[in-house]
Protein backbone atom coordinates (compact mmCIF):
# COMPACT_ATOMS: atom_id res chain seq x y z
CA MET A 1 11.99 6.31 -40.16
CA SER A 2 10.88 3.46 -38.16
CA SER A 3 13.72 4.06 -35.63
CA ASN A 4 12.63 7.70 -35.27
CA GLU A 5 9.16 6.52 -34.56
CA GLU A 6 10.27 4.19 -31.77
CA LYS A 7 12.30 6.91 -29.88
CA PRO A 8 9.35 8.73 -28.32
CA SER A 9 7.98 5.51 -26.83
CA PRO A 10 10.19 5.38 -23.67
CA ARG A 11 9.25 9.08 -22.98
CA ARG A 12 5.61 8.28 -23.18
CA ARG A 13 5.83 5.34 -20.93
CA GLY A 14 8.14 7.11 -18.51
CA GLY A 15 6.22 10.35 -18.25
CA PRO A 16 3.09 9.32 -16.37
CA ASP A 17 4.92 7.34 -13.67
CA LYS A 18 7.02 10.41 -12.86
CA GLU A 19 4.05 12.70 -12.73
CA PHE A 20 2.15 10.21 -10.41
CA LEU A 21 5.21 9.88 -8.16
CA LEU A 22 5.56 13.76 -7.92
CA ALA A 23 1.83 14.09 -7.09
CA PHE A 24 2.31 11.31 -4.45
CA LEU A 25 5.18 13.25 -2.85
CA LEU A 26 3.21 16.41 -2.98
CA PHE A 27 0.16 15.15 -1.27
CA THR A 28 2.29 13.21 1.20
CA GLY A 29 4.27 16.36 2.05
CA ILE A 30 1.04 18.48 2.54
CA ALA A 31 -0.48 15.79 4.80
CA ALA A 32 2.71 15.49 6.82
CA VAL A 33 2.84 19.33 7.39
CA LEU A 34 -0.78 19.45 8.44
CA TRP A 35 -0.40 16.54 10.73
CA THR A 36 2.64 18.13 12.38
CA ILE A 37 0.56 21.31 12.92
CA ALA A 38 -2.27 19.19 14.48
CA TRP A 39 0.20 17.42 16.77
CA LEU A 40 1.88 20.69 17.85
CA ASN A 41 -1.61 22.21 18.59
CA SER A 42 -2.37 19.26 20.93
CA GLU A 43 1.06 19.32 22.70
CA PRO A 44 1.90 21.83 25.34
CA VAL A 45 4.92 24.03 24.62
CA GLY A 46 7.12 26.32 26.61
CA PRO A 47 7.72 26.41 30.42
CA ASP A 48 4.02 26.73 31.07
CA SER A 49 2.51 23.34 30.36
CA GLN A 50 -0.91 24.92 29.57
CA VAL A 51 0.44 26.91 26.67
CA ARG A 52 -0.36 25.59 23.18
CA LEU A 53 0.24 26.92 19.68
CA GLY A 54 -2.74 28.81 18.34
CA TRP A 55 -2.46 27.68 14.69
CA PRO A 56 -5.54 26.59 12.81
CA HIS A 57 -6.33 22.97 13.48
CA PRO A 58 -6.65 20.78 10.30
CA HIS A 59 -9.83 18.82 10.11
CA PRO A 60 -9.22 15.02 10.40
CA VAL A 61 -11.28 14.49 7.26
CA LEU A 62 -8.97 16.68 5.35
CA LEU A 63 -5.94 14.73 6.52
CA GLN A 64 -7.62 11.50 5.59
CA ALA A 65 -8.53 12.82 2.19
CA LEU A 66 -5.02 13.91 1.60
CA ARG A 67 -3.56 10.55 2.55
CA TRP A 68 -5.99 8.69 0.25
CA ALA A 69 -5.25 11.10 -2.58
CA ALA A 70 -1.54 10.35 -2.14
CA LEU A 71 -2.22 6.60 -2.21
CA ALA A 72 -4.30 6.98 -5.38
CA CYS A 73 -1.32 8.74 -6.94
CA PHE A 74 1.01 5.97 -5.87
CA CYS A 75 -1.40 3.37 -7.37
CA GLY A 76 -1.25 5.48 -10.59
CA TYR A 77 2.56 5.24 -10.36
CA ALA A 78 2.44 1.49 -9.90
CA TRP A 79 0.04 1.10 -12.86
CA ALA A 80 2.27 3.29 -15.06
CA ARG A 81 5.44 1.38 -14.00
CA ARG A 82 3.63 -1.99 -14.56
CA SER A 83 5.85 -3.50 -11.85
CA LEU A 84 4.84 -5.99 -9.29
CA THR A 85 7.33 -4.50 -6.85
CA ALA A 86 5.61 -1.14 -7.12
CA TRP A 87 2.22 -2.74 -6.53
CA ILE A 88 3.56 -4.58 -3.48
CA PHE A 89 4.70 -1.19 -2.02
CA ALA A 90 1.26 0.20 -2.88
CA GLY A 91 -0.29 -2.66 -0.95
CA MET A 92 1.81 -1.97 2.06
CA LEU A 93 0.80 1.74 2.08
CA ILE A 94 -2.90 1.12 1.46
CA GLY A 95 -2.96 -1.68 4.06
CA ALA A 96 -1.33 0.61 6.70
CA GLU A 97 -3.92 3.35 5.89
CA ILE A 98 -6.90 0.93 6.16
CA GLY A 99 -5.55 -0.33 9.44
CA HIS A 100 -5.33 3.19 10.69
CA ASP A 101 -8.65 4.35 9.43
CA TRP A 102 -10.78 1.29 9.96
CA PRO A 103 -9.00 -0.98 12.50
CA HIS A 104 -11.97 -3.27 13.16
CA ALA A 105 -12.47 -4.05 9.47
CA ALA A 106 -8.71 -4.39 8.99
CA ALA A 107 -8.55 -7.14 11.60
CA ASN A 108 -10.45 -9.35 9.19
CA LEU A 109 -8.05 -8.85 6.29
CA GLN A 110 -5.52 -11.21 7.66
CA ILE A 111 -7.18 -13.95 5.57
CA LEU A 112 -5.58 -12.43 2.48
CA SER A 113 -2.03 -12.94 3.79
CA SER A 114 -3.00 -16.37 5.15
CA ILE A 115 -4.18 -17.48 1.73
CA PHE A 116 -0.88 -16.25 0.23
CA LEU A 117 1.28 -18.01 2.84
CA ARG A 118 -0.73 -21.29 2.28
CA LEU A 119 -0.07 -21.12 -1.49
CA ILE A 120 3.58 -20.28 -0.96
CA ARG A 121 4.07 -23.20 1.40
CA THR A 122 2.82 -25.54 -1.35
CA ILE A 123 5.60 -24.25 -3.54
CA VAL A 124 8.62 -24.42 -1.27
CA ALA A 125 9.27 -28.17 -0.95
CA PRO A 126 8.77 -29.37 -4.59
CA LEU A 127 10.66 -26.27 -5.84
CA ILE A 128 13.69 -26.90 -3.48
CA PHE A 129 13.64 -30.56 -4.33
CA ALA A 130 13.45 -30.23 -8.07
CA THR A 131 16.08 -27.41 -8.32
CA LEU A 132 18.56 -29.19 -6.01
CA VAL A 133 18.29 -32.44 -7.78
CA VAL A 134 18.78 -30.95 -11.20
CA GLY A 135 21.65 -28.70 -9.94
CA ILE A 136 23.56 -31.50 -8.18
CA ALA A 137 22.76 -34.58 -10.29
CA GLY A 138 22.51 -32.82 -13.67
CA HIS A 139 25.15 -30.05 -13.69
CA SER A 140 27.46 -29.99 -10.75
CA SER A 141 30.13 -32.42 -9.71
CA LEU A 142 29.88 -33.85 -6.28
CA LYS A 143 33.22 -32.21 -5.43
CA GLN A 144 31.77 -28.79 -6.32
CA VAL A 145 28.74 -29.51 -4.06
CA GLY A 146 31.21 -30.15 -1.16
CA ARG A 147 33.29 -27.10 -1.95
CA MET A 148 30.18 -24.88 -2.07
CA GLY A 149 28.96 -26.31 1.16
CA ILE A 150 32.18 -25.50 3.00
CA LYS A 151 32.39 -22.00 1.54
CA ALA A 152 28.73 -21.31 2.36
CA LEU A 153 29.06 -22.46 6.00
CA ILE A 154 32.20 -20.44 6.53
CA TYR A 155 30.50 -17.44 5.02
CA PHE A 156 27.39 -17.96 7.12
CA GLU A 157 29.37 -18.22 10.34
CA VAL A 158 31.40 -15.10 9.75
CA ILE A 159 28.42 -12.96 8.86
CA THR A 160 26.09 -14.15 11.52
CA THR A 161 28.98 -13.58 14.15
CA LEU A 162 29.27 -9.95 12.96
CA ALA A 163 25.51 -9.52 13.24
CA LEU A 164 25.63 -11.00 16.77
CA PHE A 165 28.24 -8.42 17.91
CA ILE A 166 26.46 -5.50 16.27
CA GLY A 167 23.32 -6.45 18.19
CA LEU A 168 25.23 -6.69 21.42
CA ALA A 169 26.88 -3.34 20.92
CA ALA A 170 23.60 -1.67 19.92
CA ILE A 171 21.61 -2.75 23.03
CA ASN A 172 24.54 -1.98 25.38
CA ILE A 173 24.87 1.49 23.91
CA SER A 174 21.14 2.39 23.87
CA GLN A 175 20.31 0.65 27.21
CA ALA A 176 16.75 0.38 25.84
CA GLY A 177 15.69 -2.11 28.65
CA VAL A 178 16.57 0.18 31.51
CA GLY A 179 13.55 1.73 33.20
CA ILE A 180 10.92 -0.69 31.63
CA PRO A 181 8.07 -1.06 34.22
CA HIS A 182 7.69 -4.47 35.64
CA GLN A 183 4.58 -6.56 34.75
CA ALA A 184 3.97 -8.99 37.58
CA ASN A 185 1.32 -11.17 35.91
CA ALA A 186 3.20 -11.57 32.60
CA SER A 187 4.36 -15.06 33.28
CA SER A 188 0.94 -16.57 32.84
CA ALA A 189 0.54 -14.94 29.54
CA MET A 190 3.66 -16.42 28.04
CA PRO A 191 3.74 -19.70 26.10
CA ALA A 192 5.27 -22.74 27.80
CA THR A 193 8.62 -23.45 26.34
CA GLN A 194 11.39 -25.97 26.87
CA PRO A 195 15.12 -25.23 26.26
CA GLN A 196 16.63 -27.02 23.32
CA LYS A 197 19.77 -29.12 23.90
CA ALA A 198 22.59 -29.73 21.43
CA PRO A 199 21.53 -33.27 20.42
CA ASP A 200 17.95 -31.93 19.71
CA ILE A 201 19.37 -29.23 17.44
CA ILE A 202 21.52 -31.72 15.43
CA LEU A 203 18.76 -34.26 15.23
CA HIS A 204 16.37 -31.52 13.97
CA ILE A 205 18.50 -31.24 10.76
CA PHE A 206 17.72 -34.72 9.56
CA PRO A 207 14.31 -35.84 8.28
CA GLU A 208 12.62 -38.97 9.72
CA ASN A 209 9.72 -38.73 7.26
CA ILE A 210 10.01 -36.57 4.18
CA ALA A 211 6.14 -36.18 3.98
CA LYS A 212 6.17 -34.93 7.64
CA SER A 213 9.04 -32.49 6.90
CA VAL A 214 7.13 -31.08 3.92
CA ALA A 215 3.83 -30.78 5.92
CA GLU A 216 5.66 -28.94 8.79
CA GLY A 217 7.54 -26.66 6.55
CA GLN A 218 11.02 -27.91 7.72
CA VAL A 219 13.07 -26.31 4.96
CA LEU A 220 16.41 -27.60 6.20
CA GLN A 221 15.19 -31.21 6.39
CA VAL A 222 13.86 -30.88 2.76
CA VAL A 223 17.25 -29.56 1.70
CA VAL A 224 19.11 -32.50 3.40
CA PHE A 225 16.78 -35.10 1.78
CA SER A 226 17.23 -33.41 -1.55
CA ILE A 227 20.93 -33.34 -1.48
CA ILE A 228 21.20 -36.97 -0.42
CA PHE A 229 18.65 -37.93 -3.14
CA ALA A 230 20.64 -36.00 -5.74
CA ILE A 231 23.88 -37.58 -4.76
CA ALA A 232 22.40 -41.02 -5.04
CA LEU A 233 20.82 -40.11 -8.42
CA ALA A 234 24.21 -38.87 -9.67
CA LEU A 235 25.83 -42.23 -8.75
CA ILE A 236 23.50 -44.43 -10.82
CA SER A 237 23.85 -45.14 -14.55
CA GLU A 238 22.86 -42.59 -17.18
CA ASP A 239 19.87 -44.63 -18.55
CA LYS A 240 18.34 -44.75 -14.93
CA ARG A 241 19.27 -41.20 -14.03
CA ARG A 242 17.93 -39.46 -17.15
CA PRO A 243 14.17 -40.06 -16.65
CA MET A 244 14.30 -38.67 -13.07
CA LEU A 245 16.38 -35.68 -14.22
CA THR A 246 13.85 -34.94 -16.97
CA PHE A 247 11.00 -35.18 -14.41
CA CYS A 248 12.73 -32.84 -11.99
CA GLU A 249 13.60 -30.33 -14.69
CA SER A 250 9.94 -30.26 -15.80
CA LEU A 251 8.82 -30.02 -12.10
CA SER A 252 11.19 -27.09 -11.38
CA GLU A 253 9.98 -25.15 -14.49
CA THR A 254 6.41 -25.89 -13.50
CA MET A 255 6.87 -24.71 -9.93
CA PHE A 256 8.52 -21.51 -11.15
CA LYS A 257 5.51 -20.88 -13.36
CA PHE A 258 3.27 -21.78 -10.27
CA THR A 259 5.18 -19.10 -8.37
CA ASN A 260 4.56 -16.53 -11.11
CA LEU A 261 0.76 -17.11 -10.83
CA VAL A 262 0.81 -16.92 -7.03
CA MET A 263 2.83 -13.72 -7.06
CA TYR A 264 -0.14 -11.93 -8.76
CA PHE A 265 -1.88 -12.20 -5.42
CA ALA A 266 1.19 -10.77 -3.53
CA PRO A 267 -0.03 -7.13 -3.42
CA LEU A 268 -3.38 -8.08 -1.87
CA ALA A 269 -1.60 -10.35 0.64
CA VAL A 270 0.74 -7.52 1.66
CA LEU A 271 -2.30 -5.23 1.97
CA GLY A 272 -3.98 -7.65 4.28
CA ALA A 273 -0.87 -8.25 6.40
CA MET A 274 -0.17 -4.55 6.89
CA ALA A 275 -3.83 -3.69 7.54
CA TYR A 276 -4.07 -6.48 10.17
CA THR A 277 -0.78 -5.39 11.86
CA ILE A 278 -1.69 -1.71 12.14
CA GLY A 279 -5.36 -2.40 12.77
CA THR A 280 -4.77 -4.68 15.79
CA MET A 281 -1.66 -2.91 17.19
CA GLY A 282 -2.19 0.71 16.27
CA PHE A 283 0.67 3.19 16.26
CA GLU A 284 0.27 3.93 19.91
CA VAL A 285 2.03 0.73 20.89
CA LEU A 286 5.23 2.20 19.60
CA VAL A 287 5.39 5.02 22.10
CA PRO A 288 6.63 3.16 25.29
CA LEU A 289 8.96 0.93 23.32
CA ALA A 290 10.14 3.35 20.72
CA LYS A 291 13.74 3.15 22.03
CA LEU A 292 13.86 -0.61 21.66
CA LEU A 293 12.39 -0.49 18.20
CA ALA A 294 14.69 2.31 17.07
CA THR A 295 17.68 0.42 18.45
CA LEU A 296 16.76 -2.70 16.35
CA TYR A 297 16.15 -0.76 13.16
CA ALA A 298 19.32 1.28 13.57
CA ALA A 299 21.38 -1.81 14.35
CA LEU A 300 20.09 -3.58 11.19
CA LEU A 301 20.76 -0.50 9.10
CA ILE A 302 24.36 -0.46 10.48
CA PHE A 303 24.62 -4.15 9.66
CA VAL A 304 23.49 -3.64 6.08
CA LEU A 305 25.79 -0.67 5.53
CA CYS A 306 28.86 -1.86 7.43
CA VAL A 307 28.72 -5.60 6.67
CA LEU A 308 26.55 -6.54 3.74
CA LEU A 309 27.44 -3.60 1.55
CA PRO A 310 31.25 -4.01 1.92
CA VAL A 311 30.82 -7.73 1.19
CA ALA A 312 28.96 -6.80 -2.01
CA LEU A 313 31.64 -4.37 -2.98
CA MET A 314 34.44 -6.85 -2.28
CA ALA A 315 32.56 -9.47 -4.41
CA ARG A 316 32.40 -6.82 -7.26
CA LEU A 317 28.62 -7.19 -7.56
CA PRO A 318 26.70 -4.76 -9.66
CA LEU A 319 24.93 -2.99 -6.80
CA ARG A 320 22.09 -1.29 -8.74
CA ARG A 321 21.16 -4.49 -10.51
CA PHE A 322 21.40 -6.44 -7.26
CA ILE A 323 19.10 -3.95 -5.42
CA HIS A 324 16.61 -4.24 -8.22
CA ALA A 325 16.72 -8.04 -8.03
CA VAL A 326 16.19 -8.26 -4.20
CA ALA A 327 13.63 -5.41 -3.86
CA GLU A 328 10.59 -7.72 -4.42
CA PRO A 329 11.50 -10.63 -2.18
CA VAL A 330 12.68 -8.29 0.58
CA SER A 331 9.49 -6.27 0.45
CA ILE A 332 7.46 -9.49 0.59
CA ALA A 333 9.40 -10.71 3.59
CA PHE A 334 9.09 -7.36 5.35
CA SER A 335 5.27 -7.08 4.98
CA THR A 336 4.58 -10.78 5.74
CA ALA A 337 7.23 -11.31 8.38
CA SER A 338 7.97 -14.68 6.91
CA SER A 339 11.07 -15.69 5.01
CA GLU A 340 9.31 -18.67 3.53
CA ALA A 341 6.89 -16.34 1.75
CA ALA A 342 9.75 -14.70 -0.08
CA LEU A 343 11.72 -17.91 -0.85
CA PRO A 344 10.23 -18.84 -4.31
CA ARG A 345 10.55 -15.26 -5.59
CA ALA A 346 14.06 -14.95 -4.21
CA LEU A 347 15.08 -18.09 -6.09
CA GLU A 348 13.75 -16.55 -9.32
CA SER A 349 15.20 -13.20 -8.74
CA MET A 350 18.74 -14.46 -7.95
CA GLU A 351 18.75 -16.75 -11.02
CA ALA A 352 17.66 -13.83 -13.15
CA PHE A 353 20.52 -11.78 -11.54
CA GLY A 354 23.02 -14.24 -12.90
CA VAL A 355 23.51 -16.89 -10.24
CA PRO A 356 23.34 -20.47 -11.66
CA ARG A 357 20.21 -22.40 -10.55
CA GLN A 358 22.21 -25.14 -8.89
CA ILE A 359 23.98 -22.54 -6.67
CA VAL A 360 20.77 -20.66 -5.83
CA ALA A 361 18.94 -23.87 -5.00
CA PHE A 362 21.77 -25.08 -2.64
CA VAL A 363 22.85 -21.79 -0.92
CA LEU A 364 19.51 -19.98 -0.51
CA PRO A 365 17.51 -22.66 1.33
CA THR A 366 20.56 -23.64 3.41
CA GLY A 367 21.03 -20.02 4.42
CA TYR A 368 17.40 -20.00 5.65
CA SER A 369 18.65 -22.22 8.52
CA PHE A 370 22.31 -21.19 8.93
CA ASN A 371 22.43 -17.53 7.81
CA LEU A 372 19.69 -15.79 9.75
CA ASP A 373 21.47 -12.37 9.99
CA GLY A 374 18.55 -10.26 11.14
CA SER A 375 17.29 -12.90 13.55
CA THR A 376 20.74 -13.47 15.08
CA LEU A 377 21.15 -9.72 15.62
CA TYR A 378 17.61 -9.41 17.08
CA LEU A 379 18.20 -12.38 19.51
CA SER A 380 21.45 -10.89 20.84
CA LEU A 381 19.67 -7.54 21.27
CA ALA A 382 16.46 -8.93 22.80
CA SER A 383 18.22 -11.29 25.30
CA ILE A 384 20.22 -8.47 26.81
CA PHE A 385 17.10 -6.22 26.79
CA VAL A 386 15.43 -8.86 29.03
CA ALA A 387 18.30 -8.72 31.49
CA GLN A 388 18.33 -4.86 31.45
CA ALA A 389 14.60 -4.65 32.07
CA ALA A 390 14.91 -7.08 34.98
CA GLY A 391 17.80 -5.04 36.45
CA ILE A 392 20.28 -7.90 36.05
CA HIS A 393 23.82 -7.04 35.21
CA LEU A 394 25.54 -9.44 32.90
CA THR A 395 29.27 -9.49 32.17
CA LEU A 396 30.41 -9.63 28.62
CA ALA A 397 31.28 -13.29 29.00
CA GLN A 398 27.78 -14.07 30.26
CA GLN A 399 26.25 -12.10 27.33
CA LEU A 400 28.31 -14.04 24.82
CA VAL A 401 27.27 -17.39 26.30
CA ILE A 402 23.57 -16.42 26.00
CA VAL A 403 23.67 -15.07 22.47
CA ILE A 404 25.74 -17.94 21.07
CA THR A 405 23.22 -20.37 22.64
CA LEU A 406 20.47 -18.43 21.00
CA MET A 407 22.21 -18.44 17.63
CA LEU A 408 22.48 -22.26 17.74
CA THR A 409 18.85 -22.84 18.85
CA SER A 410 17.42 -20.56 16.13
CA LYS A 411 18.48 -22.82 13.19
CA GLY A 412 15.83 -24.04 10.90
CA ILE A 413 12.87 -21.92 11.93
CA ALA A 414 13.09 -19.08 9.45
CA GLY A 415 9.86 -20.07 7.72
CA VAL A 416 7.70 -19.60 10.81
CA PRO A 417 6.42 -16.01 11.52
CA ARG A 418 7.33 -14.75 14.94
CA ALA A 419 9.06 -18.02 15.96
CA MET A 420 11.95 -16.13 17.41
CA ILE A 421 9.86 -15.08 20.41
CA VAL A 422 9.56 -18.81 21.27
CA ILE A 423 13.26 -19.35 20.88
CA LEU A 424 13.87 -16.31 23.15
CA MET A 425 11.52 -17.65 25.77
CA GLY A 426 13.26 -21.02 25.75
CA ALA A 427 16.61 -19.22 26.36
CA VAL A 428 15.18 -17.06 29.11
CA ALA A 429 14.05 -20.19 30.95
CA SER A 430 17.45 -21.80 30.42
CA PHE A 431 19.39 -18.96 31.90
CA ASP A 432 16.95 -18.28 34.81
CA LEU A 433 16.00 -14.88 33.54
CA PRO A 434 12.54 -13.49 34.24
CA SER A 435 9.92 -13.93 31.49
CA TRP A 436 7.95 -10.71 31.92
CA PRO A 437 10.25 -8.61 29.68
CA VAL A 438 9.54 -10.96 26.82
CA LEU A 439 5.83 -10.06 27.06
CA VAL A 440 6.92 -6.37 26.81
CA ILE A 441 8.76 -7.23 23.50
CA LEU A 442 5.74 -9.24 22.33
CA GLY A 443 3.85 -5.94 22.01
CA ILE A 444 5.98 -4.78 19.16
CA ASP A 445 7.36 -8.13 18.00
CA GLN A 446 5.45 -8.07 14.65
CA LEU A 447 7.19 -4.76 13.70
CA MET A 448 10.57 -6.19 14.83
CA ASP A 449 9.86 -9.36 13.02
CA MET A 450 9.29 -7.53 9.78
CA ALA A 451 12.62 -5.83 9.84
CA ARG A 452 14.69 -8.88 10.87
CA THR A 453 12.96 -11.13 8.28
CA ALA A 454 13.65 -8.67 5.49
CA THR A 455 17.32 -8.59 6.58
CA ASN A 456 17.44 -12.35 6.63
CA VAL A 457 16.20 -12.55 3.00
CA LEU A 458 18.57 -9.79 1.90
CA GLY A 459 21.53 -11.47 3.55
CA ASN A 460 20.79 -14.83 1.98
CA CYS A 461 20.27 -13.34 -1.52
CA LEU A 462 23.64 -11.66 -1.14
CA ALA A 463 25.19 -14.95 0.03
CA THR A 464 24.06 -16.74 -3.24
CA ALA A 465 25.72 -14.06 -5.33
CA VAL A 466 28.93 -14.08 -3.29
CA ILE A 467 29.26 -17.88 -3.48
CA ALA A 468 28.56 -17.71 -7.26
CA ARG A 469 31.33 -15.22 -7.56
CA TRP A 470 33.73 -17.34 -5.55
CA GLU A 471 32.92 -20.33 -7.76
CA GLY A 472 33.44 -18.18 -10.91
CA GLU A 473 29.93 -18.95 -11.97
CA LEU A 474 28.22 -15.60 -11.80
CA ASP A 475 26.67 -14.51 -15.12
CA LYS A 476 28.05 -17.64 -16.78
CA GLU A 477 24.62 -19.46 -17.21
CA ALA A 478 21.54 -17.92 -18.90
CA PRO A 479 18.32 -17.94 -16.72
CA SER A 480 15.42 -20.05 -17.98
CA ALA A 481 12.71 -18.39 -20.06
CA THR A 482 10.18 -18.87 -17.29
CA VAL A 483 12.33 -16.99 -14.78
CA LEU A 484 13.00 -14.10 -17.18
CA ASP A 485 9.32 -13.93 -17.94
CA ALA A 486 8.51 -13.64 -14.17
CA ILE A 487 11.13 -10.97 -13.51
CA ALA A 488 10.07 -8.90 -16.57
CA ARG A 489 6.60 -8.27 -15.11
């Protein structure tokens, strides 16, 4: 009898979310049809440029009311689902609408995303340190650490090289930079940059002061320090090693719980970030550079479908479960345009997916410096766009030299929003290309940054699962109760 009473429960819980989702789609569809009618009424049609369609013109207030009704239904869907991922998507949609309807007020909402990013930055260093130390000194053999490092670096190099060539092919096919009008006074508006040399890139990997590395958000330097510290801890006697391991285990669990608390603020942070982006830029900025933006998004989609998806299939990963695991960190990365903002949640999600903590803690932060798939693709695409806009023809060999240089100079800056534009400017100066096309890109760089950052996080989450599969460790270790509690929300 009790089992019969429990059966209707899933239907009761599942019913409202489907109804809210259907209502959301209905209101969205009606709003889209009416917007299309309004747009067609305002655009000339036929051979005579004065001819316009004579359909009834929908009132702007009606369109706005329909959009907000759709958003209210989506909020109902998120409430019924009781899912943080759904609330994050709701925040993205509401933020975009606020930015569109009240752009001046939306410009002040960036403080919400800034608060969230500050809190996330307090998590990253102690979380990486604790999880790496416990993983290396407490569970893994030093031989396994070296084996994982070699496998990870080979994987990173192969995947980023494929991303590089997809970006090159996309921009050479679309020719998005051809015909861009020249902006003579752009150089004065660009930030001063200096090209990085190989010794600078190598030196940047190693910390000179761990407190400075933590304060500056240098993830790779924190990883290097943590690995060396963990190896040293593994080499001392058990009675000296055990207290530090106990401390690090407690610290990692505490920082995961800290992450859970901060993530409650994520929907508001996403709302603020999207409202600020749309409110300050508007949708009008997309029109002159729509071809470039479409080229990037299409290239990233091709990369995901033709590179990441086959890799996941070859590694025999359960795709539905993997997509569910990465949905939240990828959506955070997309809305905030910062890989660092998604790192704590990505660590939790991949551990809950079945990747042991020592592998997640080693591969994921390392990938943030060496496996920037979306950023590598963007840099190859953007650098050739600069040459096309300037009317400079580059041979394939010249293009390869430029993009390989960009790939090397981009290491270690994944946590900084829009830092790729600075890297691009440095490369432009190094190869004597004009700087004014970079200012053209700057107009839509936030929207490009959102897509490439989401791809970076997706690629690195996949890398942890692939390395775990290669090591034979996937689904072999139960996630901690704290992680399972966080993912269950």
